[in-house]
Amino acid sequence: MPANLPPQYLTAEKAFRAAKTSLEKIAALEEMLAIMPKHKGTDHLRAELRSRIAKLTQQAGKKAATQRASMVIEKEGAAQVAVVGVPNCGKSQLVSILTKASPTVAEYPFTTHSVTPGMMPFENIKIQLLDTPPLAPNAIDFWLPHVLRRADILLIMADLSHSPVKQVEEAIAELRKMKIGIGDTDAEEEGILSHQKALIVGNKLDLDSGQANYTALRNQYGEEFPLMAISALHGTGLEDLKLMIFHVLDIIRVYTKAPGQKADMSEPIILARDSTLEDAAADVHKDFARKLKFARIWGSGKHDGVQAKKDHVLQDGDIIELHL
């Protein structure tokens, strides 16, 4: 049975080959193991990766064994967003407010030493946010690049009270050192192992200097990245930020129904934008795409209940009825 490994696995495998230390290799292997689909076709490969991890852990000693828990954060909800930025830019405050998680929030730098996940509600779904350690020269934990590569998008924070353009420049520079590219200019840059979608968020819009510094930030990056300003402390712009995150993720929600019954609107299927009926069927069950004869669809600008083919491109909010 073929393994059918996703592109993210191949990126992690590339990072493993580029790793220089045992700890970096372990982190890449953990990432590969987490990404790999679980079915009979991958059983042998999963066993091989576990064997490699065990051998490298033994070689690296107890330090590797105690730090392995920090390497991979399992994805939950509709998508995973890593919140990044230079020290004291407001990451922890934003994650705490949006998710009710409890990262350490303080006015001094380097208060985040590990990854703190939290679930952000957006309409009828939840999106996982990760509060990550600050991006600073010579202070990047070996496992952090793998966490950021696994995330669906990066949210780059900047403090609008002082030099936000410089903050974003420094954050992007540290990401490049980790061989993570963002924006169109990084697409073909030599040495980049992975390329991430990103949005930039300026915090502390409520301060006197906030609007002027946000204008400078927008002038510098507004044509290259989605960008907005908020005040996490006062709640300004947070609902708009949730919507922007959803749009940058480029996902849609699709609902299923059985013939003669109402659709379950509480548990949507989450798909990439431009996904088809066949993709949705495969998400429900791996055999459904092969067995699907036709489907009826509500939404997509069509008449309710109209019959649609496998290659029909779905839209956010569509309801589908699969006939096998």
C-alpha atoms as a PDB file:
ATOM      1  CA  MET A   1       0.000   0.000   0.000  1.00  0.00           C
ATOM      2  CA  PRO A   2       1.494   3.393  -0.957  1.00  0.00           C
ATOM      3  CA  ALA A   3       2.290   5.842   1.832  1.00  0.00           C
ATOM      4  CA  ASN A   4       0.793   8.892   0.013  1.00  0.00           C
ATOM      5  CA  LEU A   5       2.922  11.311   2.015  1.00  0.00           C
ATOM      6  CA  PRO A   6       1.821  14.987   1.976  1.00  0.00           C
ATOM      7  CA  PRO A   7       4.112  17.846   0.856  1.00  0.00           C
ATOM      8  CA  GLN A   8       4.626  18.917   4.502  1.00  0.00           C
ATOM      9  CA  TYR A   9       6.233  15.542   5.205  1.00  0.00           C
ATOM     10  CA  LEU A  10       8.711  16.016   2.364  1.00  0.00           C
ATOM     11  CA  THR A  11       9.587  19.466   3.754  1.00  0.00           C
ATOM     12  CA  ALA A  12      10.257  17.945   7.182  1.00  0.00           C
ATOM     13  CA  GLU A  13      12.341  15.214   5.552  1.00  0.00           C
ATOM     14  CA  LYS A  14      14.379  17.915   3.821  1.00  0.00           C
ATOM     15  CA  ALA A  15      14.895  19.616   7.198  1.00  0.00           C
ATOM     16  CA  PHE A  16      16.078  16.301   8.643  1.00  0.00           C
ATOM     17  CA  ARG A  17      18.716  15.971   5.953  1.00  0.00           C
ATOM     18  CA  ALA A  18      19.874  19.534   6.627  1.00  0.00           C
ATOM     19  CA  ALA A  19      19.992  19.061  10.429  1.00  0.00           C
ATOM     20  CA  LYS A  20      23.472  19.144  11.962  1.00  0.00           C
ATOM     21  CA  THR A  21      22.859  18.088  15.573  1.00  0.00           C
ATOM     22  CA  SER A  22      21.109  15.094  17.118  1.00  0.00           C
ATOM     23  CA  LEU A  23      18.494  17.347  18.722  1.00  0.00           C
ATOM     24  CA  GLU A  24      17.667  18.989  15.390  1.00  0.00           C
ATOM     25  CA  LYS A  25      17.396  15.568  13.740  1.00  0.00           C
ATOM     26  CA  ILE A  26      15.072  14.332  16.495  1.00  0.00           C
ATOM     27  CA  ALA A  27      12.860  17.400  16.067  1.00  0.00           C
ATOM     28  CA  ALA A  28      12.613  16.822  12.303  1.00  0.00           C
ATOM     29  CA  LEU A  29      11.807  13.129  12.799  1.00  0.00           C
ATOM     30  CA  GLU A  30       9.116  14.018  15.366  1.00  0.00           C
ATOM     31  CA  GLU A  31       7.649  16.416  12.824  1.00  0.00           C
ATOM     32  CA  MET A  32       7.658  13.752  10.100  1.00  0.00           C
ATOM     33  CA  LEU A  33       5.974  11.296  12.455  1.00  0.00           C
ATOM     34  CA  ALA A  34       3.263  13.802  13.397  1.00  0.00           C
ATOM     35  CA  ILE A  35       2.511  14.735   9.774  1.00  0.00           C
ATOM     36  CA  MET A  36       2.505  11.192   8.373  1.00  0.00           C
ATOM     37  CA  PRO A  37      -0.962   9.720   7.615  1.00  0.00           C
ATOM     38  CA  LYS A  38      -1.918   6.783   9.824  1.00  0.00           C
ATOM     39  CA  HIS A  39      -2.768   3.726   7.733  1.00  0.00           C
ATOM     40  CA  LYS A  40      -1.279   0.329   6.849  1.00  0.00           C
ATOM     41  CA  GLY A  41       0.840   1.828   4.087  1.00  0.00           C
ATOM     42  CA  THR A  42       2.850   3.860   6.612  1.00  0.00           C
ATOM     43  CA  ASP A  43       3.229   1.268   9.390  1.00  0.00           C
ATOM     44  CA  HIS A  44       6.753   0.233   8.385  1.00  0.00           C
ATOM     45  CA  LEU A  45       7.885   3.837   7.905  1.00  0.00           C
ATOM     46  CA  ARG A  46       6.429   4.883  11.281  1.00  0.00           C
ATOM     47  CA  ALA A  47       8.305   2.055  12.995  1.00  0.00           C
ATOM     48  CA  GLU A  48      11.522   3.084  11.241  1.00  0.00           C
ATOM     49  CA  LEU A  49      11.144   6.724  12.343  1.00  0.00           C
ATOM     50  CA  ARG A  50      10.477   5.694  15.948  1.00  0.00           C
ATOM     51  CA  SER A  51      13.585   3.529  15.865  1.00  0.00           C
ATOM     52  CA  ARG A  52      15.676   6.458  14.579  1.00  0.00           C
ATOM     53  CA  ILE A  53      14.260   8.752  17.266  1.00  0.00           C
ATOM     54  CA  ALA A  54      15.073   6.245  20.000  1.00  0.00           C
ATOM     55  CA  LYS A  55      18.633   5.803  18.743  1.00  0.00           C
ATOM     56  CA  LEU A  56      19.259   9.559  18.415  1.00  0.00           C
ATOM     57  CA  THR A  57      17.709  10.228  21.836  1.00  0.00           C
ATOM     58  CA  GLN A  58      20.059   7.695  23.392  1.00  0.00           C
ATOM     59  CA  GLN A  59      23.006   9.335  21.650  1.00  0.00           C
ATOM     60  CA  ALA A  60      21.971  12.847  22.680  1.00  0.00           C
ATOM     61  CA  GLY A  61      21.380  11.844  26.299  1.00  0.00           C
ATOM     62  CA  LYS A  62      18.732  12.805  28.831  1.00  0.00           C
ATOM     63  CA  LYS A  63      18.472  16.394  27.610  1.00  0.00           C
ATOM     64  CA  ALA A  64      16.893  15.276  24.352  1.00  0.00           C
ATOM     65  CA  ALA A  65      14.459  12.981  26.143  1.00  0.00           C
ATOM     66  CA  THR A  66      13.238  15.750  28.459  1.00  0.00           C
ATOM     67  CA  GLN A  67      12.868  18.313  25.664  1.00  0.00           C
ATOM     68  CA  ARG A  68      11.036  16.127  23.145  1.00  0.00           C
ATOM     69  CA  ALA A  69       7.645  17.187  24.513  1.00  0.00           C
ATOM     70  CA  SER A  70       8.261  20.722  23.251  1.00  0.00           C
ATOM     71  CA  MET A  71       9.001  19.712  19.676  1.00  0.00           C
ATOM     72  CA  VAL A  72       5.551  19.019  18.253  1.00  0.00           C
ATOM     73  CA  ILE A  73       2.228  20.613  19.130  1.00  0.00           C
ATOM     74  CA  GLU A  74      -0.580  18.470  17.783  1.00  0.00           C
ATOM     75  CA  LYS A  75      -2.989  20.426  15.618  1.00  0.00           C
ATOM     76  CA  GLU A  76      -6.501  20.918  16.930  1.00  0.00           C
ATOM     77  CA  GLY A  77      -9.506  22.703  15.514  1.00  0.00           C
ATOM     78  CA  ALA A  78      -9.820  24.055  11.992  1.00  0.00           C
ATOM     79  CA  ALA A  79      -6.206  25.219  11.613  1.00  0.00           C
ATOM     80  CA  GLN A  80      -3.046  26.152  13.504  1.00  0.00           C
ATOM     81  CA  VAL A  81      -1.627  29.699  13.640  1.00  0.00           C
ATOM     82  CA  ALA A  82       1.811  30.381  15.149  1.00  0.00           C
ATOM     83  CA  VAL A  83       2.079  33.834  16.711  1.00  0.00           C
ATOM     84  CA  VAL A  84       5.656  35.114  16.387  1.00  0.00           C
ATOM     85  CA  GLY A  85       7.625  38.286  16.966  1.00  0.00           C
ATOM     86  CA  VAL A  86      10.591  39.911  18.639  1.00  0.00           C
ATOM     87  CA  PRO A  87      10.767  40.088  22.470  1.00  0.00           C
ATOM     88  CA  ASN A  88       7.976  41.987  24.228  1.00  0.00           C
ATOM     89  CA  CYS A  89       5.859  42.628  21.124  1.00  0.00           C
ATOM     90  CA  GLY A  90       2.586  41.516  22.762  1.00  0.00           C
ATOM     91  CA  LYS A  91       2.264  37.907  21.518  1.00  0.00           C
ATOM     92  CA  SER A  92       1.339  36.416  24.881  1.00  0.00           C
ATOM     93  CA  GLN A  93      -1.198  39.127  25.634  1.00  0.00           C
ATOM     94  CA  LEU A  94      -2.947  38.573  22.295  1.00  0.00           C
ATOM     95  CA  VAL A  95      -3.071  34.773  22.641  1.00  0.00           C
ATOM     96  CA  SER A  96      -4.331  35.088  26.209  1.00  0.00           C
ATOM     97  CA  ILE A  97      -7.175  37.426  25.225  1.00  0.00           C
ATOM     98  CA  LEU A  98      -8.244  35.567  22.070  1.00  0.00           C
ATOM     99  CA  THR A  99      -8.077  32.024  23.487  1.00  0.00           C
ATOM    100  CA  LYS A 100      -8.286  32.295  27.286  1.00  0.00           C
ATOM    101  CA  ALA A 101      -5.013  30.342  27.398  1.00  0.00           C
ATOM    102  CA  SER A 102      -2.560  31.259  30.154  1.00  0.00           C
ATOM    103  CA  PRO A 103       0.836  32.185  28.716  1.00  0.00           C
ATOM    104  CA  THR A 104       3.036  34.356  30.922  1.00  0.00           C
ATOM    105  CA  VAL A 105       2.297  38.027  30.193  1.00  0.00           C
ATOM    106  CA  ALA A 106       4.755  40.654  31.442  1.00  0.00           C
ATOM    107  CA  GLU A 107       6.324  43.991  30.509  1.00  0.00           C
ATOM    108  CA  TYR A 108       9.825  42.506  30.346  1.00  0.00           C
ATOM    109  CA  PRO A 109      11.205  40.431  27.425  1.00  0.00           C
ATOM    110  CA  PHE A 110      11.720  36.657  27.124  1.00  0.00           C
ATOM    111  CA  THR A 111       8.806  35.616  29.346  1.00  0.00           C
ATOM    112  CA  THR A 112       7.802  32.827  26.914  1.00  0.00           C
ATOM    113  CA  HIS A 113      10.145  29.839  26.955  1.00  0.00           C
ATOM    114  CA  SER A 114       7.928  27.165  25.411  1.00  0.00           C
ATOM    115  CA  VAL A 115       4.900  26.926  23.131  1.00  0.00           C
ATOM    116  CA  THR A 116       1.492  27.628  24.691  1.00  0.00           C
ATOM    117  CA  PRO A 117      -1.496  26.552  22.570  1.00  0.00           C
ATOM    118  CA  GLY A 118      -4.986  27.975  22.888  1.00  0.00           C
ATOM    119  CA  MET A 119      -8.243  27.718  20.941  1.00  0.00           C
ATOM    120  CA  MET A 120      -9.686  30.887  19.399  1.00  0.00           C
ATOM    121  CA  PRO A 121     -13.426  30.723  18.643  1.00  0.00           C
ATOM    122  CA  PHE A 122     -14.473  32.097  15.261  1.00  0.00           C
ATOM    123  CA  GLU A 123     -18.166  31.829  14.395  1.00  0.00           C
ATOM    124  CA  ASN A 124     -18.868  28.076  14.562  1.00  0.00           C
ATOM    125  CA  ILE A 125     -15.265  26.785  14.483  1.00  0.00           C
ATOM    126  CA  LYS A 126     -12.138  27.051  16.604  1.00  0.00           C
ATOM    127  CA  ILE A 127      -8.670  27.956  15.372  1.00  0.00           C
ATOM    128  CA  GLN A 128      -5.583  26.980  17.348  1.00  0.00           C
ATOM    129  CA  LEU A 129      -3.149  29.778  18.216  1.00  0.00           C
ATOM    130  CA  LEU A 130       0.394  29.064  19.404  1.00  0.00           C
ATOM    131  CA  ASP A 131       2.214  31.545  21.626  1.00  0.00           C
ATOM    132  CA  THR A 132       5.873  30.957  20.761  1.00  0.00           C
ATOM    133  CA  PRO A 133       9.230  32.036  22.243  1.00  0.00           C
ATOM    134  CA  PRO A 134      10.491  35.419  20.986  1.00  0.00           C
ATOM    135  CA  LEU A 135      12.551  35.658  17.819  1.00  0.00           C
ATOM    136  CA  ALA A 136      15.934  37.012  18.827  1.00  0.00           C
ATOM    137  CA  PRO A 137      19.535  36.429  17.660  1.00  0.00           C
ATOM    138  CA  ASN A 138      21.245  33.460  19.321  1.00  0.00           C
ATOM    139  CA  ALA A 139      18.117  32.632  21.354  1.00  0.00           C
ATOM    140  CA  ILE A 140      16.203  30.228  19.090  1.00  0.00           C
ATOM    141  CA  ASP A 141      15.445  26.809  20.583  1.00  0.00           C
ATOM    142  CA  PHE A 142      16.368  23.928  18.274  1.00  0.00           C
ATOM    143  CA  TRP A 143      12.747  22.706  18.050  1.00  0.00           C
ATOM    144  CA  LEU A 144      11.119  26.063  17.201  1.00  0.00           C
ATOM    145  CA  PRO A 145      11.724  26.004  13.402  1.00  0.00           C
ATOM    146  CA  HIS A 146       9.872  22.693  13.167  1.00  0.00           C
ATOM    147  CA  VAL A 147       6.894  24.068  15.125  1.00  0.00           C
ATOM    148  CA  LEU A 148       6.694  27.095  12.819  1.00  0.00           C
ATOM    149  CA  ARG A 149       6.984  25.007   9.652  1.00  0.00           C
ATOM    150  CA  ARG A 150       4.077  22.814  10.758  1.00  0.00           C
ATOM    151  CA  ALA A 151       1.761  25.770  11.418  1.00  0.00           C
ATOM    152  CA  ASP A 152      -0.721  26.670   8.693  1.00  0.00           C
ATOM    153  CA  ILE A 153       0.179  30.372   8.830  1.00  0.00           C
ATOM    154  CA  LEU A 154       2.354  32.757  10.857  1.00  0.00           C
ATOM    155  CA  LEU A 155       0.997  35.837  12.611  1.00  0.00           C
ATOM    156  CA  ILE A 156       3.847  38.342  13.026  1.00  0.00           C
ATOM    157  CA  MET A 157       3.274  40.745  15.924  1.00  0.00           C
ATOM    158  CA  ALA A 158       4.743  44.238  16.264  1.00  0.00           C
ATOM    159  CA  ASP A 159       4.465  46.785  19.073  1.00  0.00           C
ATOM    160  CA  LEU A 160       3.204  50.075  17.620  1.00  0.00           C
ATOM    161  CA  SER A 161       4.660  52.075  20.503  1.00  0.00           C
ATOM    162  CA  HIS A 162       8.168  51.952  19.006  1.00  0.00           C
ATOM    163  CA  SER A 163       9.798  51.126  15.636  1.00  0.00           C
ATOM    164  CA  PRO A 164       7.340  48.470  14.378  1.00  0.00           C
ATOM    165  CA  VAL A 165       8.998  48.367  10.930  1.00  0.00           C
ATOM    166  CA  LYS A 166      12.309  47.436  12.535  1.00  0.00           C
ATOM    167  CA  GLN A 167      10.594  44.802  14.684  1.00  0.00           C
ATOM    168  CA  VAL A 168       9.080  43.109  11.630  1.00  0.00           C
ATOM    169  CA  GLU A 169      12.399  43.300   9.767  1.00  0.00           C
ATOM    170  CA  GLU A 170      14.130  41.579  12.683  1.00  0.00           C
ATOM    171  CA  ALA A 171      11.434  38.897  12.922  1.00  0.00           C
ATOM    172  CA  ILE A 172      11.643  38.128   9.198  1.00  0.00           C
ATOM    173  CA  ALA A 173      15.451  37.988   9.420  1.00  0.00           C
ATOM    174  CA  GLU A 174      15.269  35.428  12.235  1.00  0.00           C
ATOM    175  CA  LEU A 175      12.753  33.353  10.266  1.00  0.00           C
ATOM    176  CA  ARG A 176      15.133  33.322   7.298  1.00  0.00           C
ATOM    177  CA  LYS A 177      17.923  32.091   9.584  1.00  0.00           C
ATOM    178  CA  MET A 178      15.597  29.201  10.415  1.00  0.00           C
ATOM    179  CA  LYS A 179      15.242  28.649   6.645  1.00  0.00           C
ATOM    180  CA  ILE A 180      11.605  29.749   6.722  1.00  0.00           C
ATOM    181  CA  GLY A 181      10.586  32.125   3.960  1.00  0.00           C
ATOM    182  CA  ILE A 182       7.533  34.386   3.878  1.00  0.00           C
ATOM    183  CA  GLY A 183       6.215  36.762   1.241  1.00  0.00           C
ATOM    184  CA  ASP A 184       6.743  36.625  -2.491  1.00  0.00           C
ATOM    185  CA  THR A 185      10.344  37.860  -2.305  1.00  0.00           C
ATOM    186  CA  ASP A 186      11.416  34.758  -0.371  1.00  0.00           C
ATOM    187  CA  ALA A 187       9.792  32.268  -2.706  1.00  0.00           C
ATOM    188  CA  GLU A 188      12.952  31.286  -4.571  1.00  0.00           C
ATOM    189  CA  GLU A 189      15.549  32.324  -2.003  1.00  0.00           C
ATOM    190  CA  GLU A 190      18.435  29.892  -1.739  1.00  0.00           C
ATOM    191  CA  GLY A 191      18.541  27.840   1.460  1.00  0.00           C
ATOM    192  CA  ILE A 192      14.831  28.265   2.309  1.00  0.00           C
ATOM    193  CA  LEU A 193      13.360  24.893   3.339  1.00  0.00           C
ATOM    194  CA  SER A 194       9.739  25.953   3.641  1.00  0.00           C
ATOM    195  CA  HIS A 195       7.528  28.886   2.724  1.00  0.00           C
ATOM    196  CA  GLN A 196       4.752  30.126   5.017  1.00  0.00           C
ATOM    197  CA  LYS A 197       1.774  32.403   4.557  1.00  0.00           C
ATOM    198  CA  ALA A 198       1.885  35.299   6.998  1.00  0.00           C
ATOM    199  CA  LEU A 199      -0.014  38.322   8.217  1.00  0.00           C
ATOM    200  CA  ILE A 200       1.333  41.255  10.215  1.00  0.00           C
ATOM    201  CA  VAL A 201      -0.490  42.672  13.223  1.00  0.00           C
ATOM    202  CA  GLY A 202       0.429  45.928  14.944  1.00  0.00           C
ATOM    203  CA  ASN A 203      -0.572  46.076  18.610  1.00  0.00           C
ATOM    204  CA  LYS A 204      -1.188  49.103  20.920  1.00  0.00           C
ATOM    205  CA  LEU A 205      -3.111  51.182  18.387  1.00  0.00           C
ATOM    206  CA  ASP A 206      -4.604  53.011  21.392  1.00  0.00           C
ATOM    207  CA  LEU A 207      -1.327  54.797  22.191  1.00  0.00           C
ATOM    208  CA  ASP A 208      -0.624  58.319  20.914  1.00  0.00           C
ATOM    209  CA  SER A 209       2.075  57.044  18.540  1.00  0.00           C
ATOM    210  CA  GLY A 210       0.022  54.032  17.458  1.00  0.00           C
ATOM    211  CA  GLN A 211      -1.651  55.409  14.336  1.00  0.00           C
ATOM    212  CA  ALA A 212       1.473  57.115  12.959  1.00  0.00           C
ATOM    213  CA  ASN A 213       3.611  54.017  13.519  1.00  0.00           C
ATOM    214  CA  TYR A 214       0.928  51.820  11.955  1.00  0.00           C
ATOM    215  CA  THR A 215       0.934  54.069   8.879  1.00  0.00           C
ATOM    216  CA  ALA A 216       4.709  53.539   8.597  1.00  0.00           C
ATOM    217  CA  LEU A 217       4.218  49.794   8.960  1.00  0.00           C
ATOM    218  CA  ARG A 218       1.501  49.753   6.308  1.00  0.00           C
ATOM    219  CA  ASN A 219       3.607  51.808   3.917  1.00  0.00           C
ATOM    220  CA  GLN A 220       6.459  49.329   4.271  1.00  0.00           C
ATOM    221  CA  TYR A 221       4.589  46.019   4.179  1.00  0.00           C
ATOM    222  CA  GLY A 222       0.991  46.711   3.167  1.00  0.00           C
ATOM    223  CA  GLU A 223       1.431  45.644  -0.455  1.00  0.00           C
ATOM    224  CA  GLU A 224       3.194  42.394   0.443  1.00  0.00           C
ATOM    225  CA  PHE A 225       1.255  41.070   3.441  1.00  0.00           C
ATOM    226  CA  PRO A 226      -2.231  41.221   4.922  1.00  0.00           C
ATOM    227  CA  LEU A 227      -1.852  43.785   7.693  1.00  0.00           C
ATOM    228  CA  MET A 228      -3.989  45.379  10.410  1.00  0.00           C
ATOM    229  CA  ALA A 229      -3.757  47.271  13.702  1.00  0.00           C
ATOM    230  CA  ILE A 230      -5.364  46.335  17.021  1.00  0.00           C
ATOM    231  CA  SER A 231      -5.327  47.141  20.697  1.00  0.00           C
ATOM    232  CA  ALA A 232      -5.279  43.848  22.561  1.00  0.00           C
ATOM    233  CA  LEU A 233      -5.636  45.697  25.882  1.00  0.00           C
ATOM    234  CA  HIS A 234      -8.820  47.533  24.848  1.00  0.00           C
ATOM    235  CA  GLY A 235     -10.168  44.884  22.465  1.00  0.00           C
ATOM    236  CA  THR A 236     -10.018  47.182  19.432  1.00  0.00           C
ATOM    237  CA  GLY A 237     -10.033  45.305  16.119  1.00  0.00           C
ATOM    238  CA  LEU A 238     -10.027  41.792  17.603  1.00  0.00           C
ATOM    239  CA  GLU A 239     -13.175  40.603  15.790  1.00  0.00           C
ATOM    240  CA  ASP A 240     -11.790  41.944  12.503  1.00  0.00           C
ATOM    241  CA  LEU A 241      -8.519  40.156  13.271  1.00  0.00           C
ATOM    242  CA  LYS A 242     -10.331  36.832  13.676  1.00  0.00           C
ATOM    243  CA  LEU A 243     -11.949  37.333  10.267  1.00  0.00           C
ATOM    244  CA  MET A 244      -8.598  38.226   8.705  1.00  0.00           C
ATOM    245  CA  ILE A 245      -6.992  35.084  10.148  1.00  0.00           C
ATOM    246  CA  PHE A 246      -9.804  33.008   8.650  1.00  0.00           C
ATOM    247  CA  HIS A 247      -9.337  34.613   5.224  1.00  0.00           C
ATOM    248  CA  VAL A 248      -5.534  34.239   5.254  1.00  0.00           C
ATOM    249  CA  LEU A 249      -5.913  30.553   6.169  1.00  0.00           C
ATOM    250  CA  ASP A 250      -7.834  30.227   2.882  1.00  0.00           C
ATOM    251  CA  ILE A 251     -10.160  27.528   4.184  1.00  0.00           C
ATOM    252  CA  ILE A 252     -13.866  26.857   3.783  1.00  0.00           C
ATOM    253  CA  ARG A 253     -16.537  25.182   5.898  1.00  0.00           C
ATOM    254  CA  VAL A 254     -18.717  22.534   4.288  1.00  0.00           C
ATOM    255  CA  TYR A 255     -21.619  20.756   5.988  1.00  0.00           C
ATOM    256  CA  THR A 256     -23.047  17.293   5.336  1.00  0.00           C
ATOM    257  CA  LYS A 257     -26.582  15.968   5.477  1.00  0.00           C
ATOM    258  CA  ALA A 258     -28.233  12.604   5.041  1.00  0.00           C
ATOM    259  CA  PRO A 259     -31.146  12.271   2.598  1.00  0.00           C
ATOM    260  CA  GLY A 260     -34.370  13.485   4.169  1.00  0.00           C
ATOM    261  CA  GLN A 261     -32.605  14.968   7.199  1.00  0.00           C
ATOM    262  CA  LYS A 262     -31.356  18.406   8.212  1.00  0.00           C
ATOM    263  CA  ALA A 263     -27.693  19.292   7.895  1.00  0.00           C
ATOM    264  CA  ASP A 264     -25.438  19.164  10.934  1.00  0.00           C
ATOM    265  CA  MET A 265     -24.308  22.789  11.153  1.00  0.00           C
ATOM    266  CA  SER A 266     -22.232  22.263  14.294  1.00  0.00           C
ATOM    267  CA  GLU A 267     -19.404  20.166  12.817  1.00  0.00           C
ATOM    268  CA  PRO A 268     -18.285  21.478   9.415  1.00  0.00           C
ATOM    269  CA  ILE A 269     -15.711  19.777   7.242  1.00  0.00           C
ATOM    270  CA  ILE A 270     -12.706  22.081   6.930  1.00  0.00           C
ATOM    271  CA  LEU A 271     -11.223  22.153   3.424  1.00  0.00           C
ATOM    272  CA  ALA A 272      -8.759  24.275   1.494  1.00  0.00           C
ATOM    273  CA  ARG A 273     -10.351  26.886  -0.737  1.00  0.00           C
ATOM    274  CA  ASP A 274     -11.083  25.588  -4.271  1.00  0.00           C
ATOM    275  CA  SER A 275     -11.663  22.064  -2.946  1.00  0.00           C
ATOM    276  CA  THR A 276     -14.137  19.912  -4.846  1.00  0.00           C
ATOM    277  CA  LEU A 277     -16.988  17.594  -3.940  1.00  0.00           C
ATOM    278  CA  GLU A 278     -14.573  14.708  -4.407  1.00  0.00           C
ATOM    279  CA  ASP A 279     -12.207  16.262  -1.847  1.00  0.00           C
ATOM    280  CA  ALA A 280     -15.073  16.625   0.630  1.00  0.00           C
ATOM    281  CA  ALA A 281     -16.131  13.023   0.112  1.00  0.00           C
ATOM    282  CA  ALA A 282     -12.581  11.829   0.767  1.00  0.00           C
ATOM    283  CA  ASP A 283     -12.485  13.876   3.968  1.00  0.00           C
ATOM    284  CA  VAL A 284     -15.662  12.184   5.231  1.00  0.00           C
ATOM    285  CA  HIS A 285     -14.158   8.745   4.515  1.00  0.00           C
ATOM    286  CA  LYS A 286     -11.215   7.706   2.363  1.00  0.00           C
ATOM    287  CA  ASP A 287     -13.416   5.293   0.343  1.00  0.00           C
ATOM    288  CA  PHE A 288     -16.225   7.779  -0.310  1.00  0.00           C
ATOM    289  CA  ALA A 289     -14.400   9.623  -3.095  1.00  0.00           C
ATOM    290  CA  ARG A 290     -14.027   6.377  -5.023  1.00  0.00           C
ATOM    291  CA  LYS A 291     -17.602   5.223  -4.415  1.00  0.00           C
ATOM    292  CA  LEU A 292     -19.297   8.592  -4.909  1.00  0.00           C
ATOM    293  CA  LYS A 293     -21.928   8.469  -7.678  1.00  0.00           C
ATOM    294  CA  PHE A 294     -23.218  12.007  -7.313  1.00  0.00           C
ATOM    295  CA  ALA A 295     -24.034  14.617  -4.690  1.00  0.00           C
ATOM    296  CA  ARG A 296     -26.719  17.180  -4.110  1.00  0.00           C
ATOM    297  CA  ILE A 297     -25.688  20.624  -3.015  1.00  0.00           C
ATOM    298  CA  TRP A 298     -27.239  23.574  -1.226  1.00  0.00           C
ATOM    299  CA  GLY A 299     -25.383  26.842  -1.714  1.00  0.00           C
ATOM    300  CA  SER A 300     -22.669  27.628  -4.279  1.00  0.00           C
ATOM    301  CA  GLY A 301     -25.102  29.980  -5.986  1.00  0.00           C
ATOM    302  CA  LYS A 302     -27.099  27.009  -7.315  1.00  0.00           C
ATOM    303  CA  HIS A 303     -30.702  25.939  -6.809  1.00  0.00           C
ATOM    304  CA  ASP A 304     -31.135  24.096  -3.519  1.00  0.00           C
ATOM    305  CA  GLY A 305     -30.651  20.356  -3.845  1.00  0.00           C
ATOM    306  CA  VAL A 306     -29.306  20.475  -7.402  1.00  0.00           C
ATOM    307  CA  GLN A 307     -27.211  17.487  -8.443  1.00  0.00           C
ATOM    308  CA  ALA A 308     -23.493  18.225  -8.836  1.00  0.00           C
ATOM    309  CA  LYS A 309     -20.493  16.324 -10.195  1.00  0.00           C
ATOM    310  CA  LYS A 310     -17.323  15.294  -8.385  1.00  0.00           C
ATOM    311  CA  ASP A 311     -15.292  18.170  -9.803  1.00  0.00           C
ATOM    312  CA  HIS A 312     -17.706  20.844  -8.582  1.00  0.00           C
ATOM    313  CA  VAL A 313     -15.742  23.497  -6.641  1.00  0.00           C
ATOM    314  CA  LEU A 314     -17.241  24.135  -3.216  1.00  0.00           C
ATOM    315  CA  GLN A 315     -17.781  27.441  -1.432  1.00  0.00           C
ATOM    316  CA  ASP A 316     -17.762  28.359   2.238  1.00  0.00           C
ATOM    317  CA  GLY A 317     -21.075  27.405   3.821  1.00  0.00           C
ATOM    318  CA  ASP A 318     -22.124  24.804   1.237  1.00  0.00           C
ATOM    319  CA  ILE A 319     -24.240  21.841   2.354  1.00  0.00           C
ATOM    320  CA  ILE A 320     -23.684  18.545   0.565  1.00  0.00           C
ATOM    321  CA  GLU A 321     -25.590  15.278   0.428  1.00  0.00           C
ATOM    322  CA  LEU A 322     -23.391  12.397  -0.756  1.00  0.00           C
ATOM    323  CA  HIS A 323     -24.869   9.473  -2.720  1.00  0.00           C
ATOM    324  CA  LEU A 324     -22.694   6.356  -3.043  1.00  0.00           C
END
